[in-house]
Protein backbone atom coordinates (compact mmCIF):
# COMPACT_ATOMS: atom_id res chain seq x y z
CA UNK A 1 82.31 117.59 120.52
CA UNK A 2 82.09 114.51 118.26
CA UNK A 3 84.18 112.69 121.04
CA UNK A 4 81.56 113.92 123.73
CA UNK A 5 78.62 112.76 121.35
CA UNK A 6 80.33 109.59 120.76
CA UNK A 7 81.03 108.51 124.23
CA UNK A 8 77.50 109.58 125.20
CA UNK A 9 75.97 106.82 123.05
CA UNK A 10 75.69 108.83 119.67
CA UNK A 11 75.90 106.05 116.76
CA UNK A 12 78.71 106.65 114.78
CA UNK A 13 77.09 105.41 111.66
CA UNK A 14 74.14 108.10 111.48
CA UNK A 15 74.07 109.63 108.28
CA UNK A 16 73.87 113.33 107.36
CA UNK A 17 71.96 114.93 104.82
CA UNK A 18 74.03 114.05 102.25
CA UNK A 19 73.88 110.49 103.09
CA UNK A 20 77.80 110.14 104.54
CA UNK A 21 78.67 109.27 107.79
CA UNK A 22 81.11 110.29 110.43
CA UNK A 23 83.73 108.10 108.95
CA UNK A 24 83.77 109.37 105.52
CA UNK A 25 84.01 112.84 106.38
CA UNK A 26 86.99 111.91 109.34
CA UNK A 27 88.81 110.49 105.97
CA UNK A 28 87.93 113.24 103.62
CA UNK A 29 89.70 115.53 106.25
CA UNK A 30 92.24 113.43 107.60
CA UNK A 31 91.41 113.77 111.44
CA UNK A 32 93.02 110.66 112.88
CA UNK A 33 91.84 111.51 116.30
CA UNK A 34 88.13 111.60 115.51
CA UNK A 35 89.06 108.36 112.77
CA UNK A 36 90.30 105.94 115.47
CA UNK A 37 87.68 106.70 118.00
CA UNK A 38 84.88 105.97 115.13
CA UNK A 39 86.47 102.72 114.38
CA UNK A 40 86.18 101.86 118.22
CA UNK A 41 82.94 102.92 118.84
CA UNK A 42 81.88 100.32 116.01
CA UNK A 43 81.67 102.73 112.56
CA UNK A 44 81.35 100.72 109.87
CA UNK A 45 84.60 101.32 107.85
CA UNK A 46 83.64 99.74 104.56
CA UNK A 47 80.73 102.19 104.23
CA UNK A 48 79.92 103.28 100.30
CA UNK A 49 79.07 107.11 99.55
CA UNK A 50 77.27 106.24 96.24
CA UNK A 51 79.58 107.82 93.69
CA UNK A 52 81.95 108.78 96.27
CA UNK A 53 84.56 106.38 98.19
CA UNK A 54 84.88 104.32 101.07
CA UNK A 55 86.43 105.59 104.24
CA UNK A 56 89.69 104.17 103.17
CA UNK A 57 89.63 105.11 99.39
CA UNK A 58 88.65 108.32 100.95
CA UNK A 59 91.94 108.35 102.99
CA UNK A 60 94.38 107.18 99.98
CA UNK A 61 93.15 109.90 97.37
CA UNK A 62 92.98 112.78 100.05
CA UNK A 63 96.52 111.25 100.52
CA UNK A 64 95.94 111.12 104.59
CA UNK A 65 98.50 108.36 104.59
CA UNK A 66 98.38 107.56 108.74
CA UNK A 67 94.44 107.21 108.03
CA UNK A 68 94.42 105.12 105.40
CA UNK A 69 97.01 102.87 107.73
CA UNK A 70 94.73 102.84 110.10
CA UNK A 71 91.49 101.71 108.56
CA UNK A 72 93.94 98.68 106.88
CA UNK A 73 95.22 97.79 110.15
CA UNK A 74 91.43 97.99 111.32
CA UNK A 75 90.01 95.04 108.72
CA UNK A 76 89.12 97.66 106.15
CA UNK A 77 87.97 95.82 102.95
CA UNK A 78 91.26 96.18 100.93
CA UNK A 79 89.28 95.03 97.67
CA UNK A 80 86.38 97.08 97.87
CA UNK A 81 86.71 99.25 95.04
CA UNK A 82 85.11 102.79 93.99
CA UNK A 83 82.40 103.64 91.72
CA UNK A 84 84.82 103.27 88.47
CA UNK A 85 86.49 99.95 89.84
CA UNK A 86 89.96 101.65 91.02
CA UNK A 87 90.68 99.61 94.26
CA UNK A 88 92.43 100.83 97.42
CA UNK A 89 95.93 98.76 96.07
CA UNK A 90 95.55 101.18 92.79
CA UNK A 91 95.52 104.29 94.73
CA UNK A 92 97.81 103.06 97.15
CA UNK A 93 100.36 102.49 94.69
CA UNK A 94 99.68 105.24 93.05
CA UNK A 95 100.34 107.39 95.67
CA UNK A 96 103.82 105.59 96.56
CA UNK A 97 102.40 104.35 99.90
CA UNK A 98 104.14 100.67 99.25
CA UNK A 99 104.20 99.93 102.93
CA UNK A 100 100.42 100.43 103.22
CA UNK A 101 99.81 98.40 99.61
CA UNK A 102 102.34 95.72 100.99
CA UNK A 103 99.60 95.47 104.28
CA UNK A 104 97.03 95.26 101.70
CA UNK A 105 98.54 92.10 99.92
CA UNK A 106 99.04 90.53 103.22
CA UNK A 107 95.52 90.43 103.81
CA UNK A 108 94.40 89.45 100.72
CA UNK A 109 94.28 92.42 98.39
CA UNK A 110 93.70 91.52 94.87
CA UNK A 111 97.12 92.44 92.62
CA UNK A 112 95.07 91.56 89.25
CA UNK A 113 92.07 93.33 90.09
CA UNK A 114 90.82 95.63 87.06
CA UNK A 115 88.92 98.41 86.72
CA UNK A 116 85.95 99.16 85.08
CA UNK A 117 87.70 99.67 81.81
CA UNK A 118 89.35 96.71 81.87
CA UNK A 119 93.23 97.53 83.49
CA UNK A 120 95.01 96.90 86.45
CA UNK A 121 97.65 98.06 88.83
CA UNK A 122 100.49 96.93 86.24
CA UNK A 123 98.82 98.47 83.79
CA UNK A 124 98.66 101.93 85.79
CA UNK A 125 102.05 101.80 86.57
CA UNK A 126 103.24 100.94 82.44
CA UNK A 127 100.82 103.72 81.18
CA UNK A 128 102.29 106.08 83.69
CA UNK A 129 105.77 105.64 83.33
CA UNK A 130 106.14 104.17 87.00
CA UNK A 131 109.17 102.71 87.42
CA UNK A 132 109.12 102.25 91.12
CA UNK A 133 105.23 101.22 91.27
CA UNK A 134 106.10 98.48 88.37
CA UNK A 135 108.92 97.41 90.61
CA UNK A 136 106.94 96.76 93.36
CA UNK A 137 104.23 95.08 91.90
CA UNK A 138 106.31 92.75 89.88
CA UNK A 139 108.12 92.01 93.08
CA UNK A 140 104.84 90.78 94.63
CA UNK A 141 104.07 88.72 92.29
CA UNK A 142 102.05 90.63 89.43
CA UNK A 143 101.31 89.05 86.06
CA UNK A 144 103.63 90.82 83.78
CA UNK A 145 101.61 89.26 80.42
CA UNK A 146 97.95 90.25 81.59
CA UNK A 147 96.72 92.20 78.55
CA UNK A 148 95.55 95.62 79.21
CA UNK A 149 91.90 97.30 78.63
CA UNK A 150 92.83 97.68 74.69
CA UNK A 151 94.49 94.28 74.35
CA UNK A 152 98.02 95.20 74.61
CA UNK A 153 100.32 93.70 77.11
CA UNK A 154 102.72 95.78 79.41
CA UNK A 155 105.55 95.29 77.06
CA UNK A 156 103.91 96.83 74.33
CA UNK A 157 102.63 99.70 76.24
CA UNK A 158 105.91 100.30 76.75
CA UNK A 159 106.78 100.40 73.56
CA UNK A 160 104.32 102.64 71.97
CA UNK A 161 105.19 104.87 75.15
CA UNK A 162 108.95 104.80 74.25
CA UNK A 163 109.05 103.98 78.07
CA UNK A 164 112.88 101.72 77.40
CA UNK A 165 113.47 101.53 81.21
CA UNK A 166 109.80 100.21 81.62
CA UNK A 167 110.32 97.77 78.70
CA UNK A 168 113.21 96.83 80.81
CA UNK A 169 111.91 96.21 83.67
CA UNK A 170 109.44 93.68 82.08
CA UNK A 171 111.74 91.99 79.66
CA UNK A 172 114.36 91.05 82.74
CA UNK A 173 111.05 89.21 84.35
CA UNK A 174 109.95 86.49 82.38
CA UNK A 175 107.65 88.80 79.93
CA UNK A 176 106.56 86.64 77.05
CA UNK A 177 108.05 88.81 74.06
CA UNK A 178 105.62 86.44 71.24
CA UNK A 179 101.92 87.72 72.74
CA UNK A 180 100.12 89.22 70.28
CA UNK A 181 97.68 92.05 70.98
CA UNK A 182 93.87 92.42 69.97
CA UNK A 183 94.77 93.51 66.53
CA UNK A 184 97.59 90.86 66.30
CA UNK A 185 100.41 92.84 66.40
CA UNK A 186 103.29 91.54 68.20
CA UNK A 187 106.83 93.12 69.97
CA UNK A 188 108.93 92.32 67.16
CA UNK A 189 106.48 93.84 64.50
CA UNK A 190 106.05 97.01 66.55
CA UNK A 191 110.24 97.26 66.92
CA UNK A 192 110.22 96.97 63.12
CA UNK A 193 107.97 99.75 62.80
CA UNK A 194 109.60 102.11 65.36
CA UNK A 195 112.42 101.79 63.88
CA UNK A 196 111.77 102.88 60.46
CA UNK A 197 108.51 105.39 61.11
CA UNK A 198 109.88 106.55 64.58
CA UNK A 199 113.18 106.67 64.74
CA UNK A 200 114.04 109.57 67.27
CA UNK A 201 111.78 107.54 69.43
CA UNK A 202 113.26 104.34 68.83
CA UNK A 203 117.02 105.80 69.61
CA UNK A 204 115.73 107.35 72.89
CA UNK A 205 114.20 103.95 73.68
CA UNK A 206 117.26 102.11 73.41
CA UNK A 207 119.44 104.21 75.12
CA UNK A 208 117.11 104.10 78.32
CA UNK A 209 117.10 99.95 77.52
CA UNK A 210 120.72 99.55 77.63
CA UNK A 211 121.15 102.17 80.51
CA UNK A 212 119.02 99.60 82.52
CA UNK A 213 120.51 96.23 81.36
CA UNK A 214 124.06 97.90 82.18
CA UNK A 215 122.80 98.89 85.98
CA UNK A 216 121.31 95.42 86.04
CA UNK A 217 124.93 94.13 85.04
CA UNK A 218 126.50 96.36 87.49
CA UNK A 219 124.32 95.30 90.55
CA UNK A 220 124.97 91.78 89.31
CA UNK A 221 129.02 92.24 89.73
CA UNK A 222 128.54 93.77 92.73
CA UNK A 223 126.61 91.01 94.39
CA UNK A 224 129.91 88.69 92.68
CA UNK A 225 132.03 90.75 94.86
CA UNK A 226 130.25 90.38 98.01
CA UNK A 227 129.76 86.46 97.86
CA UNK A 228 133.92 86.54 97.05
CA UNK A 229 134.36 88.50 99.97
CA UNK A 230 132.09 86.50 102.64
CA UNK A 231 133.86 83.78 100.96
CA UNK A 232 137.26 84.94 102.22
């Protein structure tokens, strides 16, 4: 029916009583065929529903990866945030749609964009102990020293949360250990606090950190062996 109507001149941007439009509904339901037809018939891909989402954000939030990819490839605004300030890039990384996130970055997505609370994508990954997402962001040039909403650096968050592997990734990628948060606390100060007041947390944290460093050292050894093999 939708296809018939569109092919016979129906307005692809006509709002319903809830002031939403067909492309939002197609994104919500994951209907790729209808979404593609709407795009090709001139639907406004960046239409924003008040207190809801754009079609791109809707598709990402509902985990309709193919529909989200369609919108990006057809020029959706990759920096158009929803009402809480969350950008499509943040959502794509949270959903682990890294190929879509990479395409967004190629199309100008702001990797340092912050939501209304003042947190960016790197902060989200740090807070959620998302090692894979953090690695992706670092690889694509995210600022590892950017402060988050409460004035902490990502490294200090990792220490406070006891995320040893997250801290290790940050330390191996040029994190400045001397930066203080808005309360004047540094990594060194918090490390001393952990050792004295949170010994169990510190033990777990140190174990994870050492594990990552050991893994990195093994990877370097493997690279050296490959280089030696190439020389032969």
